[in-house]
């Protein structure tokens, strides 16, 4: 993800255009998640690494594209606030997203376990479903425990499918909104010196200042 972020930032800086990077980023994230939906228990390591790379590249590109897009949409006096709000809402969204994904995974895993012979353990196992895979690794692959391990492992592998479907839907919406509404603004702007005291006066002075046409 980091190489994609750096590369996208350099390309946007050189070209002065961020909209194409925004489109490409959302496109890669959307189809990367779609590919992950096809991830199976039998998928080999090179394949799932490739599937993860596609979405990772999209996320890396968006890190740069969104930062430029936010800054290009305000006048220079508001740049510090735009940058701070971008960082805040990105971190806030990550927190909310992780919580929602963990809840979906927990409920899906519980439902899957309830449908097999070990349903009596569904409640206990699903309480910490995010780290349950580490517990699963300690089980023996022989005898009755081995049979239980295979059944529960299959249930666990199927559980993230609902998370990926929800992520896919959430990625489709901003992709369509980006294609429809994101405008290409110039990265060049009129710079205004900001004094610590008298922000209101400075803001009024630049009110109505627009970005220079590219």
Protein backbone atom coordinates (compact mmCIF):
# COMPACT_ATOMS: atom_id res chain seq x y z
CA UNK A 1 0.00 0.00 0.00
CA UNK A 2 2.82 2.42 0.84
CA UNK A 3 4.48 2.23 -2.63
CA UNK A 4 1.10 2.93 -4.23
CA UNK A 5 0.60 5.96 -1.95
CA UNK A 6 4.01 7.39 -2.78
CA UNK A 7 3.70 6.71 -6.52
CA UNK A 8 0.22 8.21 -6.71
CA UNK A 9 1.37 11.30 -4.80
CA UNK A 10 4.29 11.84 -7.18
CA UNK A 11 2.09 11.40 -10.25
CA UNK A 12 -0.56 13.79 -8.94
CA UNK A 13 2.08 16.37 -8.05
CA UNK A 14 3.64 16.14 -11.51
CA UNK A 15 0.40 16.11 -13.51
CA UNK A 16 -1.71 18.36 -11.30
CA UNK A 17 -4.69 16.01 -11.68
CA UNK A 18 -6.10 13.89 -8.87
CA UNK A 19 -9.45 12.76 -10.26
CA UNK A 20 -8.08 9.89 -12.36
CA UNK A 21 -6.18 8.57 -9.33
CA UNK A 22 -9.40 8.79 -7.31
CA UNK A 23 -11.27 6.74 -9.90
CA UNK A 24 -8.50 4.17 -10.24
CA UNK A 25 -8.25 3.83 -6.45
CA UNK A 26 -11.94 3.14 -5.95
CA UNK A 27 -11.98 0.82 -8.98
CA UNK A 28 -9.12 -1.29 -7.58
CA UNK A 29 -10.63 -1.41 -4.09
CA UNK A 30 -14.03 -2.45 -5.43
CA UNK A 31 -12.71 -5.22 -7.64
CA UNK A 32 -10.10 -6.24 -5.07
CA UNK A 33 -12.87 -6.89 -2.55
CA UNK A 34 -14.87 -8.68 -5.24
CA UNK A 35 -11.91 -10.99 -5.84
CA UNK A 36 -11.62 -11.65 -2.10
CA UNK A 37 -15.20 -12.90 -2.04
CA UNK A 38 -13.96 -15.86 -4.12
CA UNK A 39 -11.28 -16.69 -1.53
CA UNK A 40 -11.70 -20.31 -0.39
CA UNK A 41 -10.13 -22.56 2.21
CA UNK A 42 -8.26 -24.34 -0.58
CA UNK A 43 -6.89 -21.15 -2.21
CA UNK A 44 -3.10 -21.37 -2.44
CA UNK A 45 -0.81 -18.75 -0.90
CA UNK A 46 0.31 -16.98 -4.13
CA UNK A 47 -3.33 -16.59 -5.19
CA UNK A 48 -4.60 -15.02 -1.98
CA UNK A 49 -1.56 -12.74 -1.83
CA UNK A 50 -2.41 -11.47 -5.31
CA UNK A 51 -6.05 -11.00 -4.31
CA UNK A 52 -4.99 -8.89 -1.33
CA UNK A 53 -2.59 -6.79 -3.40
CA UNK A 54 -5.32 -5.47 -5.72
CA UNK A 55 -7.37 -3.88 -2.93
CA UNK A 56 -4.20 -2.73 -1.16
CA UNK A 57 -3.04 -0.83 -4.23
CA UNK A 58 -6.43 0.87 -4.46
CA UNK A 59 -6.32 1.91 -0.82
CA UNK A 60 -2.79 3.26 -1.22
CA UNK A 61 -3.73 5.33 -4.25
CA UNK A 62 -6.74 6.77 -2.43
CA UNK A 63 -4.60 7.88 0.51
CA UNK A 64 -2.89 10.36 -1.81
CA UNK A 65 -5.81 11.15 -4.11
CA UNK A 66 -8.18 12.09 -1.28
CA UNK A 67 -5.58 14.24 0.44
CA UNK A 68 -5.06 16.28 -2.74
CA UNK A 69 -8.80 16.43 -3.45
CA UNK A 70 -9.59 17.81 -0.01
CA UNK A 71 -6.87 20.46 -0.18
CA UNK A 72 -7.82 21.56 -3.69
CA UNK A 73 -11.41 22.27 -2.66
CA UNK A 74 -10.59 25.03 -0.15
CA UNK A 75 -8.80 28.36 -0.18
CA UNK A 76 -5.32 28.54 1.31
CA UNK A 77 -6.44 29.98 4.64
CA UNK A 78 -8.53 26.86 5.30
CA UNK A 79 -5.88 24.30 4.35
CA UNK A 80 -4.86 23.47 7.95
CA UNK A 81 -8.47 22.79 8.91
CA UNK A 82 -9.13 20.72 5.78
CA UNK A 83 -6.04 18.60 6.40
CA UNK A 84 -6.91 18.06 10.05
CA UNK A 85 -10.52 17.11 9.32
CA UNK A 86 -9.39 14.70 6.59
CA UNK A 87 -7.08 12.90 9.02
CA UNK A 88 -9.74 12.88 11.74
CA UNK A 89 -12.54 11.43 9.61
CA UNK A 90 -10.19 8.88 8.02
CA UNK A 91 -9.20 7.58 11.48
CA UNK A 92 -12.81 7.80 12.68
CA UNK A 93 -14.02 5.82 9.67
CA UNK A 94 -11.38 3.15 10.21
CA UNK A 95 -12.51 2.74 13.81
CA UNK A 96 -16.18 2.46 12.92
CA UNK A 97 -15.42 0.14 10.01
CA UNK A 98 -13.34 -2.21 12.16
CA UNK A 99 -16.10 -2.36 14.77
CA UNK A 100 -18.79 -3.11 12.18
CA UNK A 101 -16.64 -5.78 10.49
CA UNK A 102 -15.89 -7.48 13.83
CA UNK A 103 -19.59 -7.55 14.70
CA UNK A 104 -20.55 -9.02 11.32
CA UNK A 105 -17.80 -11.65 11.61
CA UNK A 106 -18.92 -12.61 15.11
CA UNK A 107 -22.57 -13.04 14.12
CA UNK A 108 -21.72 -14.92 10.91
CA UNK A 109 -19.38 -17.31 12.72
CA UNK A 110 -21.96 -17.97 15.42
CA UNK A 111 -24.64 -18.68 12.82
CA UNK A 112 -22.35 -21.08 10.91
CA UNK A 113 -21.38 -23.02 14.04
CA UNK A 114 -25.03 -23.29 15.08
CA UNK A 115 -25.68 -25.18 11.84
CA UNK A 116 -23.26 -28.03 12.59
CA UNK A 117 -22.84 -30.66 15.30
CA UNK A 118 -21.00 -28.28 17.63
CA UNK A 119 -23.78 -25.74 17.96
CA UNK A 120 -23.57 -25.83 21.77
CA UNK A 121 -20.19 -24.06 21.54
CA UNK A 122 -21.39 -21.35 19.16
CA UNK A 123 -21.90 -18.67 21.80
CA UNK A 124 -18.53 -19.22 23.52
CA UNK A 125 -16.47 -19.46 20.33
CA UNK A 126 -18.06 -16.42 18.71
CA UNK A 127 -17.34 -14.09 21.64
CA UNK A 128 -13.76 -13.65 20.43
CA UNK A 129 -14.11 -14.67 16.81
CA UNK A 130 -11.38 -12.31 15.57
CA UNK A 131 -8.66 -14.27 17.39
CA UNK A 132 -10.34 -17.68 17.38
CA UNK A 133 -8.11 -18.82 14.52
CA UNK A 134 -5.16 -18.83 16.90
CA UNK A 135 -7.07 -21.18 19.20
CA UNK A 136 -7.99 -23.33 16.23
CA UNK A 137 -4.31 -23.79 15.37
CA UNK A 138 -3.67 -25.47 18.73
CA UNK A 139 -6.20 -28.23 18.09
CA UNK A 140 -4.98 -31.63 16.97
CA UNK A 141 -5.66 -32.76 13.42
CA UNK A 142 -6.13 -36.37 14.50
CA UNK A 143 -9.12 -38.26 15.84
CA UNK A 144 -12.33 -36.63 16.99
CA UNK A 145 -10.66 -33.31 17.63
CA UNK A 146 -9.33 -33.37 14.10
CA UNK A 147 -12.84 -33.84 12.72
CA UNK A 148 -14.11 -31.00 14.88
CA UNK A 149 -11.20 -28.81 13.75
CA UNK A 150 -12.01 -29.40 10.06
CA UNK A 151 -15.70 -28.60 10.53
CA UNK A 152 -15.09 -25.49 12.63
CA UNK A 153 -12.33 -24.31 10.27
CA UNK A 154 -14.76 -24.49 7.36
CA UNK A 155 -17.32 -22.49 9.36
CA UNK A 156 -14.69 -19.90 10.21
CA UNK A 157 -13.52 -19.54 6.60
CA UNK A 158 -17.09 -18.96 5.44
CA UNK A 159 -17.77 -16.32 8.11
CA UNK A 160 -15.80 -13.40 6.56
CA UNK A 161 -17.82 -13.76 3.35
CA UNK A 162 -20.57 -11.52 4.75
CA UNK A 163 -17.94 -8.96 5.82
CA UNK A 164 -16.54 -8.88 2.29
CA UNK A 165 -20.00 -8.56 0.74
CA UNK A 166 -20.78 -5.56 2.96
CA UNK A 167 -17.37 -4.05 2.13
CA UNK A 168 -18.08 -4.58 -1.57
CA UNK A 169 -21.36 -2.69 -1.29
CA UNK A 170 -19.73 0.11 0.68
CA UNK A 171 -17.01 0.38 -1.99
CA UNK A 172 -19.47 0.44 -4.88
CA UNK A 173 -21.30 3.50 -3.54
CA UNK A 174 -18.30 5.88 -3.34
CA UNK A 175 -17.03 4.57 -6.69
CA UNK A 176 -20.28 5.62 -8.37
CA UNK A 177 -20.39 8.91 -6.45
CA UNK A 178 -16.80 9.63 -7.44
CA UNK A 179 -17.52 9.02 -11.12
CA UNK A 180 -20.61 11.21 -10.99
CA UNK A 181 -19.67 14.13 -8.75
CA UNK A 182 -15.91 14.53 -8.22
CA UNK A 183 -14.68 17.53 -10.19
CA UNK A 184 -11.14 18.22 -11.30
CA UNK A 185 -9.95 21.32 -9.46
CA UNK A 186 -6.62 23.02 -9.91
CA UNK A 187 -3.94 22.33 -7.33
CA UNK A 188 -2.66 25.88 -7.79
CA UNK A 189 -4.18 28.46 -5.50
CA UNK A 190 -3.83 31.98 -4.16
CA UNK A 191 -1.83 31.84 -0.93
CA UNK A 192 -2.82 34.13 1.91
CA UNK A 193 -0.77 34.77 5.02
CA UNK A 194 -2.64 33.83 8.19
CA UNK A 195 -2.16 35.80 11.37
CA UNK A 196 -2.74 34.04 14.68
CA UNK A 197 -4.96 36.89 15.83
CA UNK A 198 -7.62 38.09 13.49
CA UNK A 199 -8.58 34.93 11.63
CA UNK A 200 -12.07 36.28 10.96
CA UNK A 201 -10.62 39.35 9.26
CA UNK A 202 -8.31 37.20 7.16
CA UNK A 203 -11.19 34.87 6.25
CA UNK A 204 -13.32 37.78 5.11
CA UNK A 205 -10.44 39.09 3.06
CA UNK A 206 -10.16 35.90 1.06
CA UNK A 207 -13.87 35.11 0.98
CA UNK A 208 -14.82 34.41 -2.58
CA UNK A 209 -11.28 33.67 -3.70
CA UNK A 210 -11.38 30.77 -6.12
CA UNK A 211 -8.72 28.44 -7.36
CA UNK A 212 -6.77 29.47 -10.44
CA UNK A 213 -7.89 27.69 -13.53
CA UNK A 214 -5.52 25.00 -14.64
